[in-house]
Amino acid sequence: MAIAPIGGVAPIIPTGVAPASSAPKVDFMGALDSVTKATAEADALGKQVATGELQDIHQFMAAQTKASLAMELTVAVRNRAVEAYQEIMRMQI
């Protein structure tokens, strides 16, 4: 008993997946600016909490957490870049 091959099957292309060539560009300086802005916003809200101008402590806590996470991410990216540079410098030509 012979098995007939399956014909006419089109390749499966996932919908909503962008091709690799259209990957988003990363603006590192823009990212650093956003970290600076988040930190400044958290500092300003902290001063408002300390002086009693801001009654909603949740705004301050959310801004502080956002700034903290942004700074941790920035430090992690910097550490990876330094590690990559050091690895390249250890390579022998």
N, C-alpha and C. Protein backbone atom coordinates (compact mmCIF):
# COMPACT_ATOMS: atom_id res chain seq x y z
N MET A 1 0.83 -1.16 0.00
CA MET A 1 0.00 0.00 0.00
C MET A 1 0.89 1.24 0.00
N ALA A 2 0.77 2.06 -1.00
CA ALA A 2 1.58 3.26 -1.15
C ALA A 2 0.88 4.46 -0.52
N ILE A 3 1.69 5.33 0.06
CA ILE A 3 1.16 6.54 0.68
C ILE A 3 1.42 7.70 -0.27
N ALA A 4 0.38 8.41 -0.62
CA ALA A 4 0.50 9.54 -1.55
C ALA A 4 1.09 10.74 -0.82
N PRO A 5 2.01 11.48 -1.46
CA PRO A 5 2.58 12.67 -0.82
C PRO A 5 1.54 13.79 -0.70
N ILE A 6 1.75 14.62 0.30
CA ILE A 6 0.87 15.77 0.51
C ILE A 6 1.35 16.87 -0.42
N GLY A 7 0.47 17.42 -1.19
CA GLY A 7 0.84 18.47 -2.12
C GLY A 7 0.09 19.75 -1.84
N GLY A 8 0.63 20.85 -2.33
CA GLY A 8 -0.05 22.13 -2.22
C GLY A 8 -0.03 22.73 -0.83
N VAL A 9 0.96 22.41 -0.02
CA VAL A 9 1.04 22.99 1.32
C VAL A 9 1.94 24.21 1.26
N ALA A 10 1.40 25.33 1.66
CA ALA A 10 2.16 26.59 1.66
C ALA A 10 2.96 26.68 2.95
N PRO A 11 4.11 27.35 2.91
CA PRO A 11 4.88 27.52 4.15
C PRO A 11 4.11 28.37 5.16
N ILE A 12 4.29 28.05 6.40
CA ILE A 12 3.59 28.78 7.47
C ILE A 12 4.41 30.01 7.82
N ILE A 13 3.77 31.17 7.68
CA ILE A 13 4.42 32.44 8.03
C ILE A 13 3.60 33.06 9.16
N PRO A 14 4.22 33.23 10.32
CA PRO A 14 3.48 33.80 11.44
C PRO A 14 3.04 35.23 11.12
N THR A 15 1.84 35.56 11.53
CA THR A 15 1.36 36.92 11.31
C THR A 15 1.79 37.80 12.47
N GLY A 16 2.05 39.05 12.19
CA GLY A 16 2.44 39.99 13.22
C GLY A 16 3.91 39.93 13.60
N VAL A 17 4.70 39.14 12.91
CA VAL A 17 6.12 39.04 13.20
C VAL A 17 6.87 39.89 12.18
N ALA A 18 7.63 40.83 12.66
CA ALA A 18 8.38 41.72 11.77
C ALA A 18 9.64 41.01 11.28
N PRO A 19 10.02 41.24 10.04
CA PRO A 19 11.27 40.66 9.56
C PRO A 19 12.46 41.24 10.32
N ALA A 20 13.56 40.52 10.31
CA ALA A 20 14.74 40.94 11.07
C ALA A 20 15.28 42.28 10.59
N SER A 21 15.08 42.60 9.32
CA SER A 21 15.63 43.85 8.79
C SER A 21 14.91 45.07 9.36
N SER A 22 13.72 44.91 9.89
CA SER A 22 12.99 46.05 10.43
C SER A 22 13.06 46.09 11.95
N ALA A 23 14.14 45.59 12.52
CA ALA A 23 14.31 45.63 13.96
C ALA A 23 14.43 47.08 14.41
N PRO A 24 13.87 47.40 15.57
CA PRO A 24 13.91 48.79 16.02
C PRO A 24 15.33 49.24 16.32
N LYS A 25 15.59 50.48 16.02
CA LYS A 25 16.89 51.08 16.32
C LYS A 25 16.91 51.47 17.79
N VAL A 26 18.03 51.26 18.45
CA VAL A 26 18.16 51.59 19.85
C VAL A 26 18.93 52.89 19.97
N ASP A 27 18.31 53.86 20.60
CA ASP A 27 18.94 55.16 20.82
C ASP A 27 19.43 55.19 22.27
N PHE A 28 20.71 54.91 22.47
CA PHE A 28 21.24 54.79 23.81
C PHE A 28 21.21 56.12 24.55
N MET A 29 21.53 57.20 23.85
CA MET A 29 21.51 58.52 24.50
C MET A 29 20.09 58.90 24.90
N GLY A 30 19.11 58.55 24.06
CA GLY A 30 17.72 58.81 24.41
C GLY A 30 17.30 58.02 25.63
N ALA A 31 17.79 56.79 25.72
CA ALA A 31 17.48 55.96 26.88
C ALA A 31 18.09 56.55 28.15
N LEU A 32 19.31 57.06 28.04
CA LEU A 32 19.94 57.71 29.21
C LEU A 32 19.17 58.95 29.62
N ASP A 33 18.68 59.70 28.63
CA ASP A 33 17.88 60.88 28.95
C ASP A 33 16.59 60.51 29.69
N SER A 34 15.97 59.41 29.27
CA SER A 34 14.74 58.99 29.94
C SER A 34 15.02 58.52 31.37
N VAL A 35 16.18 57.92 31.61
CA VAL A 35 16.56 57.52 32.97
C VAL A 35 16.77 58.77 33.82
N THR A 36 17.41 59.77 33.24
CA THR A 36 17.65 61.03 33.96
C THR A 36 16.32 61.71 34.29
N LYS A 37 15.40 61.71 33.34
CA LYS A 37 14.09 62.33 33.58
C LYS A 37 13.32 61.58 34.66
N ALA A 38 13.37 60.25 34.63
CA ALA A 38 12.66 59.45 35.63
C ALA A 38 13.23 59.70 37.02
N THR A 39 14.55 59.81 37.10
CA THR A 39 15.19 60.08 38.39
C THR A 39 14.83 61.47 38.89
N ALA A 40 14.83 62.46 37.99
CA ALA A 40 14.47 63.83 38.38
C ALA A 40 13.01 63.91 38.83
N GLU A 41 12.13 63.20 38.15
CA GLU A 41 10.72 63.18 38.53
C GLU A 41 10.54 62.56 39.91
N ALA A 42 11.24 61.47 40.17
CA ALA A 42 11.15 60.82 41.48
C ALA A 42 11.70 61.73 42.57
N ASP A 43 12.78 62.44 42.29
CA ASP A 43 13.34 63.38 43.27
C ASP A 43 12.37 64.52 43.57
N ALA A 44 11.75 65.04 42.51
CA ALA A 44 10.80 66.15 42.70
C ALA A 44 9.59 65.68 43.52
N LEU A 45 9.09 64.48 43.23
CA LEU A 45 7.96 63.96 44.01
C LEU A 45 8.38 63.68 45.45
N GLY A 46 9.62 63.25 45.65
CA GLY A 46 10.11 63.01 47.00
C GLY A 46 10.16 64.29 47.81
N LYS A 47 10.57 65.39 47.17
CA LYS A 47 10.57 66.69 47.85
C LYS A 47 9.15 67.12 48.19
N GLN A 48 8.22 66.86 47.28
CA GLN A 48 6.83 67.23 47.54
C GLN A 48 6.24 66.41 48.69
N VAL A 49 6.62 65.14 48.78
CA VAL A 49 6.15 64.31 49.90
C VAL A 49 6.74 64.82 51.20
N ALA A 50 8.03 65.19 51.18
CA ALA A 50 8.70 65.64 52.39
C ALA A 50 8.13 66.97 52.89
N THR A 51 7.71 67.83 51.98
CA THR A 51 7.17 69.12 52.38
C THR A 51 5.66 69.08 52.63
N GLY A 52 5.03 67.98 52.30
CA GLY A 52 3.60 67.83 52.53
C GLY A 52 2.73 68.30 51.37
N GLU A 53 3.35 68.70 50.27
CA GLU A 53 2.59 69.17 49.11
C GLU A 53 1.88 68.02 48.40
N LEU A 54 2.48 66.84 48.41
CA LEU A 54 1.92 65.68 47.73
C LEU A 54 1.30 64.75 48.75
N GLN A 55 0.00 64.57 48.67
CA GLN A 55 -0.70 63.72 49.63
C GLN A 55 -0.75 62.26 49.19
N ASP A 56 -0.66 62.02 47.87
CA ASP A 56 -0.75 60.65 47.35
C ASP A 56 0.64 60.04 47.29
N ILE A 57 0.98 59.25 48.29
CA ILE A 57 2.31 58.64 48.38
C ILE A 57 2.52 57.61 47.28
N HIS A 58 1.42 57.10 46.71
CA HIS A 58 1.53 56.09 45.65
C HIS A 58 2.21 56.64 44.41
N GLN A 59 1.96 57.91 44.09
CA GLN A 59 2.62 58.53 42.94
C GLN A 59 4.13 58.53 43.14
N PHE A 60 4.55 58.90 44.34
CA PHE A 60 5.99 58.93 44.64
C PHE A 60 6.59 57.54 44.58
N MET A 61 5.92 56.56 45.16
CA MET A 61 6.46 55.21 45.18
C MET A 61 6.56 54.63 43.77
N ALA A 62 5.57 54.90 42.93
CA ALA A 62 5.62 54.41 41.56
C ALA A 62 6.75 55.07 40.79
N ALA A 63 6.92 56.38 40.96
CA ALA A 63 8.00 57.09 40.28
C ALA A 63 9.36 56.62 40.77
N GLN A 64 9.48 56.39 42.07
CA GLN A 64 10.75 55.93 42.65
C GLN A 64 11.09 54.54 42.14
N THR A 65 10.12 53.65 42.06
CA THR A 65 10.36 52.30 41.56
C THR A 65 10.74 52.33 40.08
N LYS A 66 10.06 53.16 39.31
CA LYS A 66 10.38 53.29 37.89
C LYS A 66 11.82 53.79 37.70
N ALA A 67 12.21 54.79 38.47
CA ALA A 67 13.57 55.32 38.37
C ALA A 67 14.60 54.29 38.81
N SER A 68 14.28 53.54 39.85
CA SER A 68 15.20 52.52 40.35
C SER A 68 15.41 51.41 39.33
N LEU A 69 14.32 50.94 38.73
CA LEU A 69 14.43 49.89 37.72
C LEU A 69 15.18 50.38 36.48
N ALA A 70 14.93 51.61 36.09
CA ALA A 70 15.62 52.18 34.93
C ALA A 70 17.12 52.27 35.20
N MET A 71 17.49 52.66 36.41
CA MET A 71 18.90 52.77 36.75
C MET A 71 19.55 51.39 36.80
N GLU A 72 18.86 50.40 37.35
CA GLU A 72 19.40 49.04 37.40
C GLU A 72 19.62 48.49 35.99
N LEU A 73 18.68 48.75 35.11
CA LEU A 73 18.82 48.30 33.73
C LEU A 73 20.00 48.98 33.05
N THR A 74 20.15 50.28 33.28
CA THR A 74 21.26 51.02 32.69
C THR A 74 22.60 50.47 33.18
N VAL A 75 22.69 50.19 34.46
CA VAL A 75 23.94 49.64 35.02
C VAL A 75 24.21 48.25 34.45
N ALA A 76 23.17 47.45 34.29
CA ALA A 76 23.35 46.11 33.73
C ALA A 76 23.83 46.18 32.28
N VAL A 77 23.28 47.10 31.50
CA VAL A 77 23.73 47.25 30.10
C VAL A 77 25.18 47.74 30.07
N ARG A 78 25.52 48.68 30.95
CA ARG A 78 26.90 49.17 31.00
C ARG A 78 27.86 48.04 31.37
N ASN A 79 27.48 47.22 32.35
CA ASN A 79 28.34 46.12 32.76
C ASN A 79 28.55 45.13 31.62
N ARG A 80 27.49 44.85 30.86
CA ARG A 80 27.62 43.94 29.72
C ARG A 80 28.54 44.53 28.66
N ALA A 81 28.42 45.83 28.42
CA ALA A 81 29.28 46.48 27.43
C ALA A 81 30.74 46.44 27.86
N VAL A 82 30.99 46.67 29.14
CA VAL A 82 32.36 46.61 29.65
C VAL A 82 32.91 45.19 29.54
N GLU A 83 32.08 44.21 29.87
CA GLU A 83 32.52 42.81 29.77
C GLU A 83 32.84 42.45 28.32
N ALA A 84 32.01 42.91 27.39
CA ALA A 84 32.25 42.62 25.97
C ALA A 84 33.55 43.28 25.51
N TYR A 85 33.78 44.52 25.94
CA TYR A 85 35.02 45.22 25.59
C TYR A 85 36.23 44.48 26.15
N GLN A 86 36.14 44.06 27.39
CA GLN A 86 37.26 43.34 28.00
C GLN A 86 37.52 42.02 27.29
N GLU A 87 36.47 41.34 26.89
CA GLU A 87 36.63 40.08 26.16
C GLU A 87 37.30 40.32 24.81
N ILE A 88 36.92 41.37 24.14
CA ILE A 88 37.55 41.69 22.85
C ILE A 88 39.02 42.03 23.07
N MET A 89 39.34 42.76 24.13
CA MET A 89 40.73 43.12 24.38
C MET A 89 41.57 41.91 24.76
N ARG A 90 40.96 40.86 25.30
CA ARG A 90 41.71 39.64 25.64
C ARG A 90 41.99 38.75 24.42
N MET A 91 41.29 39.01 23.34
CA MET A 91 41.49 38.19 22.14
C MET A 91 42.88 38.41 21.57
N GLN A 92 43.49 37.31 21.12
CA GLN A 92 44.81 37.42 20.52
C GLN A 92 44.66 37.47 19.01
N ILE A 93 45.48 38.28 18.42
CA ILE A 93 45.42 38.44 16.96
C ILE A 93 46.46 37.56 16.32
